[in-house]
C-alpha cells in the first residue's frame, strides 16, 4: 500500500505540472480490510507496530484528503492478473475487464 501511495502522490504531482486538473481525493482500491482500517485510523496499537512505517505515508495522505481507501473484493481485484496465478477462466474474465483482446484469435 505504501508503494501505491507513493505512485499516486507522484502521478498527482506530475499531472499538476502538466496543468491537468484532477479531482481529489484519489481512490486507492485494496482487498485487505485490515490495511484499510489501519490507514484510516490514527490510533496506534502495539499489534500494528510492525506496519506503522509503511502505513504512516498512506495514513498521512488520507488525513490530508489526497487519498481515499476503498475496499474491492478479492475476486474483483484487477491487479491480481499481475501478481497471482489465476485459473484460466479467472484469467480470461480479468483480461476482458481490462479491455485486453487477442488480435490473433480466429474469427
PDB file of N, CA and C in Angstrom:
ATOM      1  N   UNK A   1       0.819  -1.178   0.000  1.00  0.00           N
ATOM      2  CA  UNK A   1       0.000   0.000   0.000  1.00  0.00           C
ATOM      3  C   UNK A   1       0.872   1.254   0.000  1.00  0.00           C
ATOM      4  N   UNK A   2       2.012   1.194   0.683  1.00  0.00           N
ATOM      5  CA  UNK A   2       2.893   2.359   0.736  1.00  0.00           C
ATOM      6  C   UNK A   2       3.417   2.699  -0.657  1.00  0.00           C
ATOM      7  N   UNK A   3       3.786   1.670  -1.424  1.00  0.00           N
ATOM      8  CA  UNK A   3       4.295   1.925  -2.779  1.00  0.00           C
ATOM      9  C   UNK A   3       3.215   2.535  -3.668  1.00  0.00           C
ATOM     10  N   UNK A   4       1.995   2.051  -3.547  1.00  0.00           N
ATOM     11  CA  UNK A   4       0.896   2.629  -4.328  1.00  0.00           C
ATOM     12  C   UNK A   4       0.637   4.070  -3.916  1.00  0.00           C
ATOM     13  N   UNK A   5       0.781   4.365  -2.631  1.00  0.00           N
ATOM     14  CA  UNK A   5       0.613   5.738  -2.148  1.00  0.00           C
ATOM     15  C   UNK A   5       1.673   6.647  -2.744  1.00  0.00           C
ATOM     16  N   UNK A   6       2.912   6.166  -2.791  1.00  0.00           N
ATOM     17  CA  UNK A   6       3.987   6.954  -3.415  1.00  0.00           C
ATOM     18  C   UNK A   6       3.694   7.202  -4.893  1.00  0.00           C
ATOM     19  N   UNK A   7       3.195   6.173  -5.582  1.00  0.00           N
ATOM     20  CA  UNK A   7       2.887   6.309  -7.006  1.00  0.00           C
ATOM     21  C   UNK A   7       1.762   7.317  -7.242  1.00  0.00           C
ATOM     22  N   UNK A   8       0.711   7.248  -6.426  1.00  0.00           N
ATOM     23  CA  UNK A   8      -0.403   8.194  -6.568  1.00  0.00           C
ATOM     24  C   UNK A   8       0.074   9.614  -6.308  1.00  0.00           C
ATOM     25  N   UNK A   9       0.908   9.784  -5.287  1.00  0.00           N
ATOM     26  CA  UNK A   9       1.449  11.108  -4.972  1.00  0.00           C
ATOM     27  C   UNK A   9       2.283  11.634  -6.129  1.00  0.00           C
ATOM     28  N   UNK A  10       3.122  10.782  -6.704  1.00  0.00           N
ATOM     29  CA  UNK A  10       3.969  11.194  -7.825  1.00  0.00           C
ATOM     30  C   UNK A  10       3.120  11.532  -9.052  1.00  0.00           C
ATOM     31  N   UNK A  11       2.135  10.681  -9.366  1.00  0.00           N
ATOM     32  CA  UNK A  11       1.281  10.945 -10.526  1.00  0.00           C
ATOM     33  C   UNK A  11       0.484  12.232 -10.357  1.00  0.00           C
ATOM     34  N   UNK A  12      -0.004  12.479  -9.146  1.00  0.00           N
ATOM     35  CA  UNK A  12      -0.729  13.723  -8.873  1.00  0.00           C
ATOM     36  C   UNK A  12       0.169  14.924  -9.105  1.00  0.00           C
ATOM     37  N   UNK A  13       1.395  14.828  -8.634  1.00  0.00           N
ATOM     38  CA  UNK A  13       2.350  15.923  -8.796  1.00  0.00           C
ATOM     39  C   UNK A  13       2.689  16.162 -10.265  1.00  0.00           C
ATOM     40  N   UNK A  14       2.932  15.100 -11.011  1.00  0.00           N
ATOM     41  CA  UNK A  14       3.320  15.248 -12.422  1.00  0.00           C
ATOM     42  C   UNK A  14       2.153  15.781 -13.245  1.00  0.00           C
ATOM     43  N   UNK A  15       0.925  15.364 -12.922  1.00  0.00           N
ATOM     44  CA  UNK A  15      -0.236  15.876 -13.646  1.00  0.00           C
ATOM     45  C   UNK A  15      -0.455  17.356 -13.360  1.00  0.00           C
ATOM     46  N   UNK A  16      -0.205  17.778 -12.130  1.00  0.00           N
ATOM     47  CA  UNK A  16      -0.306  19.203 -11.802  1.00  0.00           C
ATOM     48  C   UNK A  16       0.737  20.006 -12.571  1.00  0.00           C
ATOM     49  N   UNK A  17       1.939  19.444 -12.729  1.00  0.00           N
ATOM     50  CA  UNK A  17       2.985  20.119 -13.501  1.00  0.00           C
ATOM     51  C   UNK A  17       2.574  20.315 -14.954  1.00  0.00           C
ATOM     52  N   UNK A  18       1.772  19.396 -15.487  1.00  0.00           N
ATOM     53  CA  UNK A  18       1.285  19.499 -16.864  1.00  0.00           C
ATOM     54  C   UNK A  18      -0.047  20.233 -16.952  1.00  0.00           C
ATOM     55  N   UNK A  19      -0.456  20.868 -15.858  1.00  0.00           N
ATOM     56  CA  UNK A  19      -1.709  21.623 -15.777  1.00  0.00           C
ATOM     57  C   UNK A  19      -2.941  20.771 -16.087  1.00  0.00           C
ATOM     58  N   UNK A  20      -2.900  19.523 -15.661  1.00  0.00           N
ATOM     59  CA  UNK A  20      -4.043  18.634 -15.807  1.00  0.00           C
ATOM     60  C   UNK A  20      -4.819  18.675 -14.499  1.00  0.00           C
ATOM     61  N   UNK A  21      -6.101  19.027 -14.583  1.00  0.00           N
ATOM     62  CA  UNK A  21      -6.932  19.113 -13.384  1.00  0.00           C
ATOM     63  C   UNK A  21      -7.382  17.719 -12.965  1.00  0.00           C
ATOM     64  N   UNK A  22      -7.132  17.383 -11.728  1.00  0.00           N
ATOM     65  CA  UNK A  22      -7.602  16.104 -11.200  1.00  0.00           C
ATOM     66  C   UNK A  22      -8.465  16.369  -9.975  1.00  0.00           C
ATOM     67  N   UNK A  23      -9.405  15.491  -9.753  1.00  0.00           N
ATOM     68  CA  UNK A  23     -10.295  15.614  -8.611  1.00  0.00           C
ATOM     69  C   UNK A  23      -9.728  14.796  -7.457  1.00  0.00           C
ATOM     70  N   UNK A  24      -9.532  15.457  -6.335  1.00  0.00           N
ATOM     71  CA  UNK A  24      -9.035  14.769  -5.150  1.00  0.00           C
ATOM     72  C   UNK A  24     -10.196  14.454  -4.230  1.00  0.00           C
ATOM     73  N   UNK A  25     -10.177  13.439  -3.470  1.00  0.00           N
ATOM     74  CA  UNK A  25      -9.081  12.512  -3.260  1.00  0.00           C
ATOM     75  C   UNK A  25      -9.047  11.417  -4.328  1.00  0.00           C
ATOM     76  N   UNK A  26      -7.860  10.929  -4.605  1.00  0.00           N
ATOM     77  CA  UNK A  26      -7.699   9.778  -5.486  1.00  0.00           C
ATOM     78  C   UNK A  26      -8.084   8.535  -4.700  1.00  0.00           C
ATOM     79  N   UNK A  27      -8.668   7.584  -5.373  1.00  0.00           N
ATOM     80  CA  UNK A  27      -9.119   6.369  -4.693  1.00  0.00           C
ATOM     81  C   UNK A  27      -8.111   5.258  -4.904  1.00  0.00           C
ATOM     82  N   UNK A  28      -7.697   4.652  -3.809  1.00  0.00           N
ATOM     83  CA  UNK A  28      -6.800   3.504  -3.842  1.00  0.00           C
ATOM     84  C   UNK A  28      -7.614   2.290  -3.412  1.00  0.00           C
ATOM     85  N   UNK A  29      -7.756   1.327  -4.305  1.00  0.00           N
ATOM     86  CA  UNK A  29      -8.549   0.139  -4.022  1.00  0.00           C
ATOM     87  C   UNK A  29      -7.667  -0.931  -3.392  1.00  0.00           C
ATOM     88  N   UNK A  30      -8.190  -1.564  -2.358  1.00  0.00           N
ATOM     89  CA  UNK A  30      -7.435  -2.567  -1.612  1.00  0.00           C
ATOM     90  C   UNK A  30      -8.383  -3.681  -1.202  1.00  0.00           C
ATOM     91  N   UNK A  31      -7.908  -4.929  -1.262  1.00  0.00           N
ATOM     92  CA  UNK A  31      -8.766  -6.045  -0.865  1.00  0.00           C
ATOM     93  C   UNK A  31      -8.508  -6.495   0.573  1.00  0.00           C
ATOM     94  N   UNK A  32      -7.767  -5.704   1.333  1.00  0.00           N
ATOM     95  CA  UNK A  32      -7.445  -6.044   2.710  1.00  0.00           C
ATOM     96  C   UNK A  32      -8.115  -5.040   3.648  1.00  0.00           C
ATOM     97  N   UNK A  33      -9.182  -5.473   4.304  1.00  0.00           N
ATOM     98  CA  UNK A  33      -9.921  -4.578   5.202  1.00  0.00           C
ATOM     99  C   UNK A  33      -9.069  -4.087   6.362  1.00  0.00           C
ATOM    100  N   UNK A  34      -8.181  -4.934   6.878  1.00  0.00           N
ATOM    101  CA  UNK A  34      -7.330  -4.528   7.994  1.00  0.00           C
ATOM    102  C   UNK A  34      -6.392  -3.400   7.575  1.00  0.00           C
ATOM    103  N   UNK A  35      -5.824  -3.491   6.381  1.00  0.00           N
ATOM    104  CA  UNK A  35      -4.931  -2.436   5.893  1.00  0.00           C
ATOM    105  C   UNK A  35      -5.689  -1.127   5.697  1.00  0.00           C
ATOM    106  N   UNK A  36      -6.913  -1.210   5.208  1.00  0.00           N
ATOM    107  CA  UNK A  36      -7.729  -0.004   5.038  1.00  0.00           C
ATOM    108  C   UNK A  36      -8.017   0.625   6.394  1.00  0.00           C
ATOM    109  N   UNK A  37      -8.382  -0.196   7.373  1.00  0.00           N
ATOM    110  CA  UNK A  37      -8.688   0.324   8.707  1.00  0.00           C
ATOM    111  C   UNK A  37      -7.457   0.981   9.336  1.00  0.00           C
ATOM    112  N   UNK A  38      -6.297   0.358   9.210  1.00  0.00           N
ATOM    113  CA  UNK A  38      -5.070   0.923   9.780  1.00  0.00           C
ATOM    114  C   UNK A  38      -4.735   2.250   9.119  1.00  0.00           C
ATOM    115  N   UNK A  39      -4.941   2.347   7.802  1.00  0.00           N
ATOM    116  CA  UNK A  39      -4.595   3.592   7.107  1.00  0.00           C
ATOM    117  C   UNK A  39      -5.556   4.730   7.431  1.00  0.00           C
ATOM    118  N   UNK A  40      -6.782   4.399   7.806  1.00  0.00           N
ATOM    119  CA  UNK A  40      -7.772   5.436   8.103  1.00  0.00           C
ATOM    120  C   UNK A  40      -7.872   5.766   9.588  1.00  0.00           C
ATOM    121  N   UNK A  41      -7.302   4.939  10.443  1.00  0.00           N
ATOM    122  CA  UNK A  41      -7.417   5.116  11.886  1.00  0.00           C
ATOM    123  C   UNK A  41      -6.081   5.601  12.453  1.00  0.00           C
ATOM    124  N   UNK A  42      -6.029   6.801  13.007  1.00  0.00           N
ATOM    125  CA  UNK A  42      -4.763   7.335  13.507  1.00  0.00           C
ATOM    126  C   UNK A  42      -4.335   6.776  14.860  1.00  0.00           C
ATOM    127  N   UNK A  43      -5.105   5.864  15.444  1.00  0.00           N
ATOM    128  CA  UNK A  43      -4.773   5.322  16.757  1.00  0.00           C
ATOM    129  C   UNK A  43      -3.652   4.297  16.625  1.00  0.00           C
ATOM    130  N   UNK A  44      -2.673   4.402  17.488  1.00  0.00           N
ATOM    131  CA  UNK A  44      -1.530   3.490  17.488  1.00  0.00           C
ATOM    132  C   UNK A  44      -1.851   2.275  18.349  1.00  0.00           C
ATOM    133  N   UNK A  45      -1.567   1.091  17.850  1.00  0.00           N
ATOM    134  CA  UNK A  45      -1.744  -0.144  18.605  1.00  0.00           C
ATOM    135  C   UNK A  45      -0.425  -0.900  18.623  1.00  0.00           C
ATOM    136  N   UNK A  46      -0.160  -1.584  19.708  1.00  0.00           N
ATOM    137  CA  UNK A  46       1.067  -2.369  19.839  1.00  0.00           C
ATOM    138  C   UNK A  46       1.125  -3.474  18.783  1.00  0.00           C
ATOM    139  N   UNK A  47      -0.037  -4.031  18.423  1.00  0.00           N
ATOM    140  CA  UNK A  47      -0.060  -5.126  17.448  1.00  0.00           C
ATOM    141  C   UNK A  47       0.236  -4.659  16.028  1.00  0.00           C
ATOM    142  N   UNK A  48       0.115  -3.367  15.761  1.00  0.00           N
ATOM    143  CA  UNK A  48       0.371  -2.864  14.406  1.00  0.00           C
ATOM    144  C   UNK A  48       1.714  -2.162  14.304  1.00  0.00           C
ATOM    145  N   UNK A  49       2.566  -2.347  15.305  1.00  0.00           N
ATOM    146  CA  UNK A  49       3.853  -1.655  15.324  1.00  0.00           C
ATOM    147  C   UNK A  49       4.695  -1.990  14.088  1.00  0.00           C
ATOM    148  N   UNK A  50       4.657  -3.239  13.635  1.00  0.00           N
ATOM    149  CA  UNK A  50       5.489  -3.658  12.515  1.00  0.00           C
ATOM    150  C   UNK A  50       5.053  -3.053  11.179  1.00  0.00           C
ATOM    151  N   UNK A  51       3.835  -2.550  11.091  1.00  0.00           N
ATOM    152  CA  UNK A  51       3.377  -1.952   9.838  1.00  0.00           C
ATOM    153  C   UNK A  51       3.276  -0.440   9.917  1.00  0.00           C
ATOM    154  N   UNK A  52       3.651   0.135  11.041  1.00  0.00           N
ATOM    155  CA  UNK A  52       3.498   1.572  11.233  1.00  0.00           C
ATOM    156  C   UNK A  52       4.255   2.390  10.188  1.00  0.00           C
ATOM    157  N   UNK A  53       5.464   2.002   9.852  1.00  0.00           N
ATOM    158  CA  UNK A  53       6.268   2.804   8.927  1.00  0.00           C
ATOM    159  C   UNK A  53       5.623   2.830   7.548  1.00  0.00           C
ATOM    160  N   UNK A  54       5.210   1.668   7.048  1.00  0.00           N
ATOM    161  CA  UNK A  54       4.595   1.614   5.720  1.00  0.00           C
ATOM    162  C   UNK A  54       3.242   2.310   5.681  1.00  0.00           C
ATOM    163  N   UNK A  55       2.461   2.151   6.725  1.00  0.00           N
ATOM    164  CA  UNK A  55       1.118   2.738   6.726  1.00  0.00           C
ATOM    165  C   UNK A  55       1.116   4.215   7.074  1.00  0.00           C
ATOM    166  N   UNK A  56       2.216   4.710   7.628  1.00  0.00           N
ATOM    167  CA  UNK A  56       2.260   6.116   8.019  1.00  0.00           C
ATOM    168  C   UNK A  56       2.036   7.030   6.814  1.00  0.00           C
ATOM    169  N   UNK A  57       2.663   6.708   5.698  1.00  0.00           N
ATOM    170  CA  UNK A  57       2.506   7.527   4.496  1.00  0.00           C
ATOM    171  C   UNK A  57       1.066   7.504   4.007  1.00  0.00           C
ATOM    172  N   UNK A  58       0.478   6.331   3.934  1.00  0.00           N
ATOM    173  CA  UNK A  58      -0.912   6.224   3.478  1.00  0.00           C
ATOM    174  C   UNK A  58      -1.842   6.946   4.441  1.00  0.00           C
ATOM    175  N   UNK A  59      -1.626   6.777   5.735  1.00  0.00           N
ATOM    176  CA  UNK A  59      -2.466   7.437   6.739  1.00  0.00           C
ATOM    177  C   UNK A  59      -2.359   8.952   6.619  1.00  0.00           C
ATOM    178  N   UNK A  60      -1.158   9.441   6.380  1.00  0.00           N
ATOM    179  CA  UNK A  60      -0.939  10.888   6.232  1.00  0.00           C
ATOM    180  C   UNK A  60      -1.696  11.436   5.024  1.00  0.00           C
ATOM    181  N   UNK A  61      -1.633  10.740   3.897  1.00  0.00           N
ATOM    182  CA  UNK A  61      -2.319  11.196   2.683  1.00  0.00           C
ATOM    183  C   UNK A  61      -3.836  11.114   2.831  1.00  0.00           C
ATOM    184  N   UNK A  62      -4.329  10.106   3.561  1.00  0.00           N
ATOM    185  CA  UNK A  62      -5.769  10.005   3.817  1.00  0.00           C
ATOM    186  C   UNK A  62      -6.218  11.172   4.680  1.00  0.00           C
ATOM    187  N   UNK A  63      -5.445  11.493   5.716  1.00  0.00           N
ATOM    188  CA  UNK A  63      -5.830  12.596   6.605  1.00  0.00           C
ATOM    189  C   UNK A  63      -5.745  13.950   5.910  1.00  0.00           C
ATOM    190  N   UNK A  64      -4.867  14.070   4.901  1.00  0.00           N
ATOM    191  CA  UNK A  64      -4.749  15.318   4.141  1.00  0.00           C
ATOM    192  C   UNK A  64      -5.830  15.448   3.073  1.00  0.00           C
ATOM    193  N   UNK A  65      -6.581  14.378   2.833  1.00  0.00           N
ATOM    194  CA  UNK A  65      -7.630  14.413   1.823  1.00  0.00           C
ATOM    195  C   UNK A  65      -7.110  14.192   0.414  1.00  0.00           C
ATOM    196  N   UNK A  66      -5.894  13.714   0.283  1.00  0.00           N
ATOM    197  CA  UNK A  66      -5.299  13.450  -1.026  1.00  0.00           C
ATOM    198  C   UNK A  66      -5.661  12.051  -1.511  1.00  0.00           C
ATOM    199  N   UNK A  67      -5.856  11.138  -0.577  1.00  0.00           N
ATOM    200  CA  UNK A  67      -6.078   9.737  -0.899  1.00  0.00           C
ATOM    201  C   UNK A  67      -7.287   9.219  -0.128  1.00  0.00           C
ATOM    202  N   UNK A  68      -8.044   8.348  -0.773  1.00  0.00           N
ATOM    203  CA  UNK A  68      -9.181   7.692  -0.129  1.00  0.00           C
ATOM    204  C   UNK A  68      -9.020   6.194  -0.347  1.00  0.00           C
ATOM    205  N   UNK A  69      -9.199   5.436   0.699  1.00  0.00           N
ATOM    206  CA  UNK A  69      -9.087   3.987   0.607  1.00  0.00           C
ATOM    207  C   UNK A  69     -10.474   3.402   0.375  1.00  0.00           C
ATOM    208  N   UNK A  70     -10.552   2.430  -0.503  1.00  0.00           N
ATOM    209  CA  UNK A  70     -11.828   1.783  -0.789  1.00  0.00           C
ATOM    210  C   UNK A  70     -11.603   0.280  -0.914  1.00  0.00           C
ATOM    211  N   UNK A  71     -12.549  -0.481  -0.401  1.00  0.00           N
ATOM    212  CA  UNK A  71     -12.427  -1.937  -0.446  1.00  0.00           C
ATOM    213  C   UNK A  71     -12.906  -2.465  -1.790  1.00  0.00           C
ATOM    214  N   UNK A  72     -12.178  -3.424  -2.316  1.00  0.00           N
ATOM    215  CA  UNK A  72     -12.586  -4.139  -3.519  1.00  0.00           C
ATOM    216  C   UNK A  72     -12.503  -5.629  -3.180  1.00  0.00           C
ATOM    217  N   UNK A  73     -13.541  -6.402  -3.482  1.00  0.00           N
ATOM    218  CA  UNK A  73     -13.475  -7.837  -3.190  1.00  0.00           C
ATOM    219  C   UNK A  73     -12.314  -8.493  -3.934  1.00  0.00           C
ATOM    220  N   UNK A  74     -11.733  -9.502  -3.338  1.00  0.00           N
ATOM    221  CA  UNK A  74     -10.579 -10.173  -3.943  1.00  0.00           C
ATOM    222  C   UNK A  74     -10.887 -10.713  -5.333  1.00  0.00           C
ATOM    223  N   UNK A  75     -12.107 -11.180  -5.538  1.00  0.00           N
ATOM    224  CA  UNK A  75     -12.468 -11.730  -6.848  1.00  0.00           C
ATOM    225  C   UNK A  75     -12.568 -10.654  -7.915  1.00  0.00           C
ATOM    226  N   UNK A  76     -12.766  -9.402  -7.518  1.00  0.00           N
ATOM    227  CA  UNK A  76     -12.893  -8.305  -8.478  1.00  0.00           C
ATOM    228  C   UNK A  76     -11.625  -7.467  -8.567  1.00  0.00           C
ATOM    229  N   UNK A  77     -10.558  -7.894  -7.915  1.00  0.00           N
ATOM    230  CA  UNK A  77      -9.317  -7.133  -7.894  1.00  0.00           C
ATOM    231  C   UNK A  77      -8.566  -7.335  -9.212  1.00  0.00           C
ATOM    232  N   UNK A  78      -8.519  -6.300 -10.028  1.00  0.00           N
ATOM    233  CA  UNK A  78      -7.888  -6.404 -11.342  1.00  0.00           C
ATOM    234  C   UNK A  78      -6.374  -6.544 -11.260  1.00  0.00           C
ATOM    235  N   UNK A  79      -5.771  -6.145 -10.157  1.00  0.00           N
ATOM    236  CA  UNK A  79      -4.320  -6.254 -10.016  1.00  0.00           C
ATOM    237  C   UNK A  79      -3.874  -7.705  -9.869  1.00  0.00           C
ATOM    238  N   UNK A  80      -4.790  -8.597  -9.556  1.00  0.00           N
ATOM    239  CA  UNK A  80      -4.422  -9.998  -9.371  1.00  0.00           C
ATOM    240  C   UNK A  80      -3.818 -10.611 -10.622  1.00  0.00           C
ATOM    241  N   UNK A  81      -4.205 -10.140 -11.784  1.00  0.00           N
ATOM    242  CA  UNK A  81      -3.669 -10.706 -13.020  1.00  0.00           C
ATOM    243  C   UNK A  81      -2.161 -10.471 -13.122  1.00  0.00           C
ATOM    244  N   UNK A  82      -1.675  -9.434 -12.448  1.00  0.00           N
ATOM    245  CA  UNK A  82      -0.250  -9.112 -12.485  1.00  0.00           C
ATOM    246  C   UNK A  82       0.519  -9.715 -11.314  1.00  0.00           C
ATOM    247  N   UNK A  83      -0.182 -10.184 -10.289  1.00  0.00           N
ATOM    248  CA  UNK A  83       0.503 -10.622  -9.081  1.00  0.00           C
ATOM    249  C   UNK A  83       0.243 -12.065  -8.683  1.00  0.00           C
ATOM    250  N   UNK A  84      -0.796 -12.691  -9.210  1.00  0.00           N
ATOM    251  CA  UNK A  84      -1.155 -14.038  -8.775  1.00  0.00           C
ATOM    252  C   UNK A  84      -1.391 -14.953  -9.963  1.00  0.00           C
ATOM    253  N   UNK A  85      -1.235 -16.234  -9.698  1.00  0.00           N
ATOM    254  CA  UNK A  85      -1.556 -17.240 -10.694  1.00  0.00           C
ATOM    255  C   UNK A  85      -3.061 -17.464 -10.667  1.00  0.00           C
ATOM    256  N   UNK A  86      -3.717 -17.245 -11.798  1.00  0.00           N
ATOM    257  CA  UNK A  86      -5.172 -17.380 -11.867  1.00  0.00           C
ATOM    258  C   UNK A  86      -5.546 -18.590 -12.704  1.00  0.00           C
ATOM    259  N   UNK A  87      -6.713 -19.154 -12.393  1.00  0.00           N
ATOM    260  CA  UNK A  87      -7.246 -20.214 -13.230  1.00  0.00           C
ATOM    261  C   UNK A  87      -7.598 -19.616 -14.590  1.00  0.00           C
ATOM    262  N   UNK A  88      -7.608 -20.424 -15.659  1.00  0.00           N
ATOM    263  CA  UNK A  88      -7.881 -19.885 -16.997  1.00  0.00           C
ATOM    264  C   UNK A  88      -9.175 -19.084 -17.098  1.00  0.00           C
ATOM    265  N   UNK A  89     -10.240 -19.530 -16.433  1.00  0.00           N
ATOM    266  CA  UNK A  89     -11.497 -18.775 -16.512  1.00  0.00           C
ATOM    267  C   UNK A  89     -11.362 -17.411 -15.844  1.00  0.00           C
ATOM    268  N   UNK A  90     -10.704 -17.362 -14.679  1.00  0.00           N
ATOM    269  CA  UNK A  90     -10.489 -16.082 -13.997  1.00  0.00           C
ATOM    270  C   UNK A  90      -9.570 -15.188 -14.817  1.00  0.00           C
ATOM    271  N   UNK A  91      -8.559 -15.787 -15.431  1.00  0.00           N
ATOM    272  CA  UNK A  91      -7.615 -15.032 -16.244  1.00  0.00           C
ATOM    273  C   UNK A  91      -8.327 -14.366 -17.420  1.00  0.00           C
ATOM    274  N   UNK A  92      -9.152 -15.129 -18.143  1.00  0.00           N
ATOM    275  CA  UNK A  92      -9.877 -14.583 -19.292  1.00  0.00           C
ATOM    276  C   UNK A  92     -10.884 -13.517 -18.864  1.00  0.00           C
ATOM    277  N   UNK A  93     -11.541 -13.739 -17.729  1.00  0.00           N
ATOM    278  CA  UNK A  93     -12.508 -12.763 -17.228  1.00  0.00           C
ATOM    279  C   UNK A  93     -11.818 -11.448 -16.861  1.00  0.00           C
ATOM    280  N   UNK A  94     -10.662 -11.545 -16.211  1.00  0.00           N
ATOM    281  CA  UNK A  94      -9.916 -10.342 -15.830  1.00  0.00           C
ATOM    282  C   UNK A  94      -9.385  -9.621 -17.062  1.00  0.00           C
ATOM    283  N   UNK A  95      -8.921 -10.368 -18.058  1.00  0.00           N
ATOM    284  CA  UNK A  95      -8.465  -9.742 -19.302  1.00  0.00           C
ATOM    285  C   UNK A  95      -9.586  -8.959 -19.964  1.00  0.00           C
ATOM    286  N   UNK A  96     -10.787  -9.527 -19.983  1.00  0.00           N
ATOM    287  CA  UNK A  96     -11.901  -8.820 -20.619  1.00  0.00           C
ATOM    288  C   UNK A  96     -12.276  -7.568 -19.833  1.00  0.00           C
ATOM    289  N   UNK A  97     -12.174  -7.609 -18.502  1.00  0.00           N
ATOM    290  CA  UNK A  97     -12.450  -6.420 -17.693  1.00  0.00           C
ATOM    291  C   UNK A  97     -11.439  -5.314 -17.966  1.00  0.00           C
ATOM    292  N   UNK A  98     -10.202  -5.711 -18.262  1.00  0.00           N
ATOM    293  CA  UNK A  98      -9.159  -4.736 -18.570  1.00  0.00           C
ATOM    294  C   UNK A  98      -9.228  -4.250 -20.017  1.00  0.00           C
ATOM    295  N   UNK A  99     -10.053  -4.897 -20.832  1.00  0.00           N
ATOM    296  CA  UNK A  99     -10.192  -4.490 -22.227  1.00  0.00           C
ATOM    297  C   UNK A  99      -9.122  -5.068 -23.134  1.00  0.00           C
ATOM    298  N   UNK A 100      -8.445  -6.118 -22.678  1.00  0.00           N
ATOM    299  CA  UNK A 100      -7.398  -6.752 -23.478  1.00  0.00           C
ATOM    300  C   UNK A 100      -8.048  -7.777 -24.390  1.00  0.00           C
ATOM    301  N   UNK A 101      -7.713  -7.702 -25.662  1.00  0.00           N
ATOM    302  CA  UNK A 101      -8.284  -8.628 -26.633  1.00  0.00           C
ATOM    303  C   UNK A 101      -7.171  -9.306 -27.424  1.00  0.00           C
ATOM    304  N   UNK A 102      -7.440 -10.501 -27.884  1.00  0.00           N
ATOM    305  CA  UNK A 102      -6.493 -11.255 -28.681  1.00  0.00           C
ATOM    306  C   UNK A 102      -6.736 -10.929 -30.154  1.00  0.00           C
ATOM    307  N   UNK A 103      -5.797 -10.221 -30.759  1.00  0.00           N
ATOM    308  CA  UNK A 103      -5.939  -9.845 -32.165  1.00  0.00           C
ATOM    309  C   UNK A 103      -5.727 -11.029 -33.096  1.00  0.00           C
ATOM    310  N   UNK A 104      -5.084 -12.068 -32.597  1.00  0.00           N
ATOM    311  CA  UNK A 104      -4.773 -13.216 -33.428  1.00  0.00           C
ATOM    312  C   UNK A 104      -5.781 -14.344 -33.274  1.00  0.00           C
ATOM    313  N   UNK A 105      -6.835 -14.114 -32.534  1.00  0.00           N
ATOM    314  CA  UNK A 105      -7.860 -15.143 -32.355  1.00  0.00           C
ATOM    315  C   UNK A 105      -8.598 -15.353 -33.672  1.00  0.00           C
ATOM    316  N   UNK A 106      -8.941 -16.593 -33.983  1.00  0.00           N
ATOM    317  CA  UNK A 106      -9.687 -16.844 -35.225  1.00  0.00           C
ATOM    318  C   UNK A 106     -11.063 -16.196 -35.161  1.00  0.00           C
ATOM    319  N   UNK A 107     -11.502 -15.675 -36.292  1.00  0.00           N
ATOM    320  CA  UNK A 107     -12.804 -15.003 -36.338  1.00  0.00           C
ATOM    321  C   UNK A 107     -13.878 -15.890 -36.890  1.00  0.00           C
TER     322      UNK A 107
END
